[in-house]
Amino acid sequence: MAKEMIEIDSKGTFMPKKILEGVIVSDKQDKTVVVRVEKKFKHCKYKKLICKHRKYAVHDPENQYKVGDSVKIVESRPISRTKRWCIAG
């Protein structure tokens, strides 16, 4: 689920950035949305499919996304104490 996007930094080296897909669960903050990303994997011993999730604070500069929208998010520089992701596209 986590793909990588290559970007060149100021030193000329390649910096891979993670891309995740998720659903917006909150848009109450200004220029910020909360995105829930689900990770599915199989248990090594019991072979049962397990779903885990994590919520990310994501930068949305134009406040254009609403609750329930499916989005892709990309790693970025720290924008605030909790925001390190931006919406791709």
Protein backbone atom coordinates (compact mmCIF):
# COMPACT_ATOMS: atom_id res chain seq x y z
CA MET A 1 0.00 0.00 0.00
CA ALA A 2 2.87 2.39 0.69
CA LYS A 3 4.40 3.37 -2.63
CA GLU A 4 7.37 5.66 -3.02
CA MET A 5 7.83 8.86 -4.97
CA ILE A 6 11.36 10.00 -5.79
CA GLU A 7 12.32 13.61 -5.24
CA ILE A 8 15.72 15.29 -5.39
CA ASP A 9 16.73 17.37 -2.36
CA SER A 10 19.03 20.40 -2.28
CA LYS A 11 22.17 18.23 -2.13
CA GLY A 12 21.24 16.42 -5.34
CA THR A 13 20.44 13.07 -3.70
CA PHE A 14 17.27 11.07 -4.21
CA MET A 15 14.74 11.17 -1.37
CA PRO A 16 11.95 8.56 -1.49
CA LYS A 17 8.59 9.77 -0.18
CA LYS A 18 5.81 7.47 1.00
CA ILE A 19 2.36 7.64 -0.60
CA LEU A 20 -0.62 6.29 1.36
CA GLU A 21 -4.34 6.00 0.56
CA GLY A 22 -7.08 6.69 3.06
CA VAL A 23 -10.47 8.19 3.84
CA ILE A 24 -11.07 11.59 5.44
CA VAL A 25 -12.72 11.24 8.86
CA SER A 26 -12.60 14.88 10.03
CA ASP A 27 -12.41 18.29 8.36
CA LYS A 28 -13.23 20.57 11.31
CA GLN A 29 -9.81 22.21 11.55
CA ASP A 30 -8.68 25.05 9.28
CA LYS A 31 -6.35 23.86 6.47
CA THR A 32 -6.15 20.41 8.07
CA VAL A 33 -8.01 17.14 7.54
CA VAL A 34 -7.65 13.87 9.43
CA VAL A 35 -7.15 10.84 7.19
CA ARG A 36 -7.63 7.24 8.35
CA VAL A 37 -5.28 4.79 6.60
CA GLU A 38 -6.01 1.07 6.90
CA LYS A 39 -3.30 -1.56 6.72
CA LYS A 40 -4.25 -5.19 6.06
CA PHE A 41 -1.85 -8.04 6.61
CA LYS A 42 -1.91 -11.74 7.36
CA HIS A 43 -0.84 -13.05 10.78
CA CYS A 44 2.34 -15.12 10.46
CA LYS A 45 1.27 -17.99 12.69
CA TYR A 46 -2.53 -18.07 12.46
CA LYS A 47 -2.89 -16.88 8.83
CA LYS A 48 -5.80 -14.63 9.80
CA LEU A 49 -6.31 -11.34 7.95
CA ILE A 50 -5.77 -8.45 10.38
CA CYS A 51 -6.82 -4.83 9.80
CA LYS A 52 -5.00 -2.05 11.60
CA HIS A 53 -5.55 1.65 11.10
CA ARG A 54 -3.83 4.91 11.86
CA LYS A 55 -4.99 8.52 11.64
CA TYR A 56 -2.80 11.19 10.08
CA ALA A 57 -3.17 14.98 10.24
CA VAL A 58 -2.85 16.14 6.63
CA HIS A 59 -2.35 19.63 5.17
CA ASP A 60 -5.26 20.81 2.98
CA PRO A 61 -4.46 24.45 2.06
CA GLU A 62 -7.72 25.22 0.23
CA ASN A 63 -10.13 23.33 2.53
CA GLN A 64 -11.57 21.57 -0.52
CA TYR A 65 -11.86 18.00 0.81
CA LYS A 66 -14.81 16.79 2.91
CA VAL A 67 -15.54 13.85 5.23
CA GLY A 68 -15.80 10.58 3.33
CA ASP A 69 -13.54 11.56 0.42
CA SER A 70 -10.90 9.02 -0.58
CA VAL A 71 -7.47 10.66 -0.96
CA LYS A 72 -3.79 9.90 -1.48
CA ILE A 73 -1.35 11.53 0.91
CA VAL A 74 2.38 12.18 0.47
CA GLU A 75 5.13 12.67 3.04
CA SER A 76 6.37 16.25 3.32
CA ARG A 77 8.41 18.54 5.52
CA PRO A 78 6.98 19.25 9.00
CA ILE A 79 4.23 21.86 8.64
CA SER A 80 3.23 21.95 12.31
CA ARG A 81 3.64 19.80 15.42
CA THR A 82 1.44 17.01 14.06
CA LYS A 83 1.30 17.62 10.28
CA ARG A 84 3.93 15.88 8.15
CA TRP A 85 1.69 14.87 5.23
CA CYS A 86 0.11 16.71 2.27
CA ILE A 87 -2.69 15.65 -0.05
CA ALA A 88 -1.29 14.43 -3.40
CA GLY A 89 -2.71 15.97 -6.52
